[in-house]
């Protein structure tokens, strides 16, 4: 089955890969994060044991690790020199950590000693890094999307620097700042924030100064960001992918299925799953050839490949 049009046409490969059939996978197993390594392996972060799954380019499970991430959520791939690393967030335990691709912990980021936590919970959702390979200073940004609605900034060693909550700018406070990403497509890097419950994107500079907002007229539930070429691609939890051009203008939606969100029991309505239609996209990644890998927020997980045509 093909979806999309023009240069954004893809072959839908249903159940391209599956999480292991384990008790925790059956009970939860929601697939929340996905990245593609330089070798072409696809790594998936899911709420089960094991949590980190490594698939080869054909969808075969070739490695796995992580026996404690039952709140597995965000997964970000970075590179330092010749080495790739993962940043992982656990929404339940509050862990934010940097690891090697095979699971060795390199750095932990603790919850900051911020006054907001006198009342608010801490439930981190995603990490972005202002990477040195793109001219950045290595700053680490952590979204507390399910807790305080704050975003915290650390230096490359993990030292806490400051926080933002949206009230600094003209658009207003964040509501579920779910995903975060440093855009290096232009001369000046920018910090993109998926302000999910506000149905918009807020943009800051890499020092944490508000610049603008967009998307309120065409977004419903932005989760995060990836790019391929000039195009910005976002999984939207309310059952579609959204593609923008280099100027943040809407190009198209893929796999749109917004009505499924209204069905009782969503997202865990397995009898409503169908090829060509999304249920609850939560993370996505692209390989060097422009193929897309989409993971969804549904018990037992759902991993779809969109093969570029």
Protein backbone atom coordinates (compact mmCIF):
# COMPACT_ATOMS: atom_id res chain seq x y z
CA UNK A 1 0.00 0.00 0.00
CA UNK A 2 1.24 3.46 -0.91
CA UNK A 3 0.54 6.67 0.97
CA UNK A 4 1.44 10.30 0.26
CA UNK A 5 1.99 12.14 -3.00
CA UNK A 6 4.85 13.43 -5.15
CA UNK A 7 8.23 13.37 -3.47
CA UNK A 8 6.52 12.37 -0.23
CA UNK A 9 5.24 9.01 -1.47
CA UNK A 10 5.93 5.91 0.63
CA UNK A 11 5.21 2.21 0.65
CA UNK A 12 3.55 1.32 3.95
CA UNK A 13 5.18 -1.77 5.49
CA UNK A 14 2.86 -2.87 8.27
CA UNK A 15 4.43 -4.42 11.39
CA UNK A 16 7.89 -4.01 9.91
CA UNK A 17 9.29 -5.12 13.27
CA UNK A 18 7.75 -6.32 16.53
CA UNK A 19 8.76 -6.04 20.17
CA UNK A 20 9.55 -9.32 21.97
CA UNK A 21 6.57 -11.28 23.28
CA UNK A 22 7.25 -10.83 27.00
CA UNK A 23 4.83 -10.32 29.92
CA UNK A 24 5.77 -6.64 30.26
CA UNK A 25 5.49 -6.19 26.51
CA UNK A 26 1.98 -7.60 26.47
CA UNK A 27 0.90 -5.54 29.48
CA UNK A 28 2.35 -2.25 28.22
CA UNK A 29 5.16 -2.29 25.66
CA UNK A 30 4.22 1.08 24.21
CA UNK A 31 6.81 2.03 21.59
CA UNK A 32 7.80 5.62 22.36
CA UNK A 33 11.15 6.45 20.77
CA UNK A 34 13.07 5.45 17.65
CA UNK A 35 16.38 6.44 16.03
CA UNK A 36 18.53 5.14 13.17
CA UNK A 37 22.25 4.66 13.73
CA UNK A 38 24.92 5.36 11.12
CA UNK A 39 25.16 1.63 10.50
CA UNK A 40 21.49 1.64 9.52
CA UNK A 41 20.25 -0.18 12.62
CA UNK A 42 16.90 0.94 14.00
CA UNK A 43 16.77 1.38 17.79
CA UNK A 44 13.40 1.46 19.55
CA UNK A 45 12.64 2.52 23.13
CA UNK A 46 9.59 0.76 24.55
CA UNK A 47 7.94 0.43 27.95
CA UNK A 48 8.86 -3.18 28.62
CA UNK A 49 11.80 -5.42 29.48
CA UNK A 50 14.01 -5.24 27.52
CA UNK A 51 13.40 -1.57 26.78
CA UNK A 52 15.98 -0.82 24.08
CA UNK A 53 15.58 -2.97 20.98
CA UNK A 54 18.02 -2.98 18.08
CA UNK A 55 16.76 -4.09 14.67
CA UNK A 56 18.81 -4.47 11.51
CA UNK A 57 17.73 -2.82 8.26
CA UNK A 58 15.49 -5.77 7.49
CA UNK A 59 13.56 -5.59 10.75
CA UNK A 60 15.33 -8.49 12.48
CA UNK A 61 15.94 -8.09 16.21
CA UNK A 62 19.72 -8.32 16.66
CA UNK A 63 20.31 -6.87 20.15
CA UNK A 64 18.46 -5.67 23.23
CA UNK A 65 19.17 -4.23 26.67
CA UNK A 66 17.65 -2.21 29.51
CA UNK A 67 15.75 -4.01 32.26
CA UNK A 68 14.50 -1.03 34.29
CA UNK A 69 12.93 1.51 31.93
CA UNK A 70 9.25 0.83 32.53
CA UNK A 71 8.60 4.52 31.88
CA UNK A 72 10.65 4.48 28.66
CA UNK A 73 9.86 7.62 26.71
CA UNK A 74 12.25 9.86 24.74
CA UNK A 75 15.21 8.64 22.69
CA UNK A 76 17.69 11.00 21.01
CA UNK A 77 20.77 10.04 18.98
CA UNK A 78 23.86 12.28 19.13
CA UNK A 79 27.42 11.98 17.89
CA UNK A 80 30.67 13.11 19.47
CA UNK A 81 33.74 12.64 17.33
CA UNK A 82 33.36 9.19 15.81
CA UNK A 83 31.07 7.85 18.52
CA UNK A 84 27.27 7.78 18.67
CA UNK A 85 25.35 8.00 21.93
CA UNK A 86 21.75 7.83 23.07
CA UNK A 87 19.91 10.18 25.39
CA UNK A 88 17.03 8.41 27.14
CA UNK A 89 14.25 9.70 29.38
CA UNK A 90 12.10 7.64 31.73
CA UNK A 91 8.86 9.44 32.53
CA UNK A 92 8.21 7.26 35.57
CA UNK A 93 11.52 7.15 37.40
CA UNK A 94 12.67 10.58 36.25
CA UNK A 95 15.91 9.17 34.85
CA UNK A 96 17.63 11.17 32.13
CA UNK A 97 20.80 9.52 30.93
CA UNK A 98 23.34 9.32 28.16
CA UNK A 99 24.44 5.86 27.07
CA UNK A 100 26.50 4.09 24.47
CA UNK A 101 24.54 2.26 21.79
CA UNK A 102 25.06 -0.98 23.69
CA UNK A 103 23.79 0.36 27.00
CA UNK A 104 26.76 1.63 29.00
CA UNK A 105 25.78 4.72 31.02
CA UNK A 106 28.03 7.73 30.37
CA UNK A 107 26.17 10.55 32.15
CA UNK A 108 23.10 11.02 34.34
CA UNK A 109 21.14 14.27 34.54
CA UNK A 110 19.40 14.88 37.85
CA UNK A 111 16.22 16.85 38.40
CA UNK A 112 17.24 20.45 39.12
CA UNK A 113 16.71 22.03 42.52
CA UNK A 114 14.03 24.36 41.20
CA UNK A 115 11.21 25.92 43.27
CA UNK A 116 8.59 24.55 40.90
CA UNK A 117 9.17 21.08 42.38
CA UNK A 118 7.87 22.12 45.75
CA UNK A 119 4.50 21.35 44.21
CA UNK A 120 5.01 19.86 40.76
CA UNK A 121 6.09 16.33 39.84
CA UNK A 122 9.10 15.62 37.63
CA UNK A 123 8.32 13.50 34.58
CA UNK A 124 10.84 14.15 31.78
CA UNK A 125 9.88 13.43 28.20
CA UNK A 126 12.71 14.34 25.78
CA UNK A 127 16.28 15.61 25.36
CA UNK A 128 17.95 17.85 22.78
CA UNK A 129 21.66 18.63 22.58
CA UNK A 130 23.30 21.64 20.95
CA UNK A 131 25.89 19.36 19.38
CA UNK A 132 29.51 20.39 18.84
CA UNK A 133 29.54 18.66 15.44
CA UNK A 134 27.10 21.35 14.26
CA UNK A 135 29.01 24.18 15.90
CA UNK A 136 27.16 24.06 19.23
CA UNK A 137 28.47 24.27 22.79
CA UNK A 138 27.10 20.89 23.95
CA UNK A 139 24.26 22.30 26.08
CA UNK A 140 21.64 19.72 27.07
CA UNK A 141 17.95 20.63 27.15
CA UNK A 142 15.46 18.41 29.02
CA UNK A 143 11.70 18.78 28.67
CA UNK A 144 9.62 18.05 31.76
CA UNK A 145 6.55 17.66 29.60
CA UNK A 146 4.50 15.44 31.89
CA UNK A 147 5.43 17.15 35.15
CA UNK A 148 6.09 20.86 35.64
CA UNK A 149 5.82 22.01 31.98
CA UNK A 150 9.32 23.48 32.36
CA UNK A 151 12.36 22.93 30.17
CA UNK A 152 15.74 22.72 31.89
CA UNK A 153 19.13 23.61 30.45
CA UNK A 154 22.44 22.00 31.45
CA UNK A 155 25.97 22.40 30.18
CA UNK A 156 27.77 19.52 28.46
CA UNK A 157 28.96 18.13 31.81
CA UNK A 158 25.43 17.98 33.22
CA UNK A 159 25.66 21.11 35.37
CA UNK A 160 22.27 22.82 35.69
CA UNK A 161 22.16 26.31 34.13
CA UNK A 162 18.58 27.62 33.99
CA UNK A 163 15.01 26.90 32.94
CA UNK A 164 12.27 28.24 30.68
CA UNK A 165 8.49 27.70 30.85
CA UNK A 166 7.11 29.73 27.95
CA UNK A 167 6.19 32.75 30.02
CA UNK A 168 9.34 34.50 28.80
CA UNK A 169 7.83 34.98 25.35
CA UNK A 170 4.81 36.46 23.63
CA UNK A 171 2.99 33.16 23.10
CA UNK A 172 2.59 32.04 26.70
CA UNK A 173 3.28 29.16 29.03
CA UNK A 174 4.05 25.69 27.72
CA UNK A 175 1.45 22.98 28.13
CA UNK A 176 3.09 19.58 27.74
CA UNK A 177 6.36 20.66 26.11
CA UNK A 178 6.78 17.13 24.86
CA UNK A 179 9.62 17.12 22.36
CA UNK A 180 12.59 19.38 21.73
CA UNK A 181 15.13 19.71 18.94
CA UNK A 182 17.98 21.98 17.81
CA UNK A 183 17.45 23.08 14.21
CA UNK A 184 20.77 23.54 12.41
CA UNK A 185 19.40 23.86 8.88
CA UNK A 186 19.95 27.63 8.81
CA UNK A 187 22.92 29.87 9.64
CA UNK A 188 21.70 30.48 13.19
CA UNK A 189 20.62 27.38 15.17
CA UNK A 190 17.23 27.48 16.87
CA UNK A 191 15.51 25.50 19.60
CA UNK A 192 12.18 24.01 18.50
CA UNK A 193 9.72 22.98 21.23
CA UNK A 194 6.70 20.76 20.58
CA UNK A 195 4.17 22.54 22.80
CA UNK A 196 1.81 19.64 22.37
CA UNK A 197 -1.26 20.46 24.42
CA UNK A 198 -1.21 24.01 23.04
CA UNK A 199 -1.16 22.55 19.50
CA UNK A 200 1.80 24.63 18.36
CA UNK A 201 5.56 24.92 18.07
CA UNK A 202 7.47 27.52 20.05
CA UNK A 203 10.91 28.58 18.81
CA UNK A 204 13.72 29.93 20.99
CA UNK A 205 17.35 30.70 20.30
CA UNK A 206 19.95 28.38 21.82
CA UNK A 207 20.40 30.74 24.76
CA UNK A 208 16.77 30.31 25.76
CA UNK A 209 15.34 33.54 24.33
CA UNK A 210 11.88 33.43 22.74
CA UNK A 211 11.72 34.10 19.00
CA UNK A 212 8.35 33.05 17.57
CA UNK A 213 5.60 30.44 17.46
CA UNK A 214 3.80 28.73 14.60
CA UNK A 215 1.50 25.87 13.69
CA UNK A 216 -1.62 26.69 15.70
CA UNK A 217 -3.62 26.78 12.47
CA UNK A 218 -2.65 23.30 11.28
CA UNK A 219 -1.22 21.23 14.17
CA UNK A 220 -3.22 19.09 16.59
CA UNK A 221 -0.68 17.23 18.75
CA UNK A 222 3.01 17.61 17.79
CA UNK A 223 5.26 15.11 19.57
CA UNK A 224 8.72 15.95 18.27
CA UNK A 225 10.91 16.51 15.24
CA UNK A 226 13.15 14.94 12.65
CA UNK A 227 14.46 16.20 9.34
CA UNK A 228 15.31 14.71 5.98
CA UNK A 229 16.87 17.18 3.59
CA UNK A 230 15.12 20.51 3.95
CA UNK A 231 11.92 18.98 5.29
CA UNK A 232 10.82 18.99 8.90
CA UNK A 233 8.73 15.97 9.90
CA UNK A 234 6.66 15.59 13.04
CA UNK A 235 4.71 12.67 14.46
CA UNK A 236 1.39 13.92 15.80
CA UNK A 237 -0.17 11.81 18.53
CA UNK A 238 -3.62 12.31 17.07
CA UNK A 239 -3.01 9.83 14.30
CA UNK A 240 -0.91 11.38 11.54
CA UNK A 241 2.52 12.57 10.45
CA UNK A 242 3.03 16.18 9.38
CA UNK A 243 5.65 17.44 6.93
CA UNK A 244 6.77 21.08 6.70
CA UNK A 245 9.13 22.82 4.30
CA UNK A 246 12.26 24.72 5.28
CA UNK A 247 10.18 27.77 6.15
CA UNK A 248 7.82 25.89 8.51
CA UNK A 249 4.99 25.87 5.98
CA UNK A 250 2.68 22.87 5.78
CA UNK A 251 3.45 20.51 2.91
CA UNK A 252 1.30 17.47 3.66
CA UNK A 253 0.01 14.99 6.23
CA UNK A 254 0.64 11.23 6.03
CA UNK A 255 -1.55 8.39 7.31
CA UNK A 256 -4.21 10.75 8.65
CA UNK A 257 -6.74 9.00 10.86
CA UNK A 258 -7.92 11.64 13.34
CA UNK A 259 -11.34 10.06 13.86
CA UNK A 260 -9.76 7.05 15.59
CA UNK A 261 -8.88 9.28 18.54
CA UNK A 262 -12.61 9.62 19.27
CA UNK A 263 -13.12 5.86 19.59
CA UNK A 264 -13.70 4.63 23.12
CA UNK A 265 -10.56 3.05 24.55
CA UNK A 266 -8.14 4.80 22.19
CA UNK A 267 -5.24 4.26 21.71
CA UNK A 268 -5.50 0.63 22.80
CA UNK A 269 -8.05 -0.38 20.21
CA UNK A 270 -6.18 -3.06 18.31
CA UNK A 271 -9.22 -4.09 16.28
CA UNK A 272 -9.17 -0.64 14.66
CA UNK A 273 -5.60 -0.84 13.37
CA UNK A 274 -5.29 -0.78 9.62
CA UNK A 275 -2.52 -0.44 7.06
CA UNK A 276 -2.10 3.07 5.71
CA UNK A 277 -3.61 4.69 8.80
CA UNK A 278 -1.88 5.68 12.00
CA UNK A 279 -3.27 5.22 15.49
CA UNK A 280 -1.01 7.19 17.86
CA UNK A 281 2.39 8.14 16.41
CA UNK A 282 4.80 9.07 19.19
CA UNK A 283 8.26 8.94 17.60
CA UNK A 284 9.80 8.70 14.14
CA UNK A 285 13.19 8.49 12.48
CA UNK A 286 14.61 8.59 8.95
CA UNK A 287 17.48 6.63 7.45
CA UNK A 288 19.97 7.97 4.89
CA UNK A 289 17.69 6.95 2.02
CA UNK A 290 14.69 8.81 3.39
CA UNK A 291 12.80 5.76 4.62
CA UNK A 292 10.75 6.56 7.72
CA UNK A 293 10.27 4.47 10.86
CA UNK A 294 7.28 5.29 13.07
CA UNK A 295 6.52 3.99 16.56
CA UNK A 296 3.16 4.33 18.26
CA UNK A 297 1.72 4.75 21.76
CA UNK A 298 -0.28 1.52 21.97
CA UNK A 299 0.01 -1.53 24.21
CA UNK A 300 2.22 -4.14 22.58
CA UNK A 301 3.79 -1.47 20.40
CA UNK A 302 3.50 -0.77 16.72
CA UNK A 303 6.49 -0.26 14.43
CA UNK A 304 5.84 0.79 10.83
CA UNK A 305 8.27 1.42 8.01
CA UNK A 306 7.43 3.88 5.26
CA UNK A 307 9.72 2.96 2.39
CA UNK A 308 10.55 5.96 0.19
CA UNK A 309 9.25 5.53 -3.35
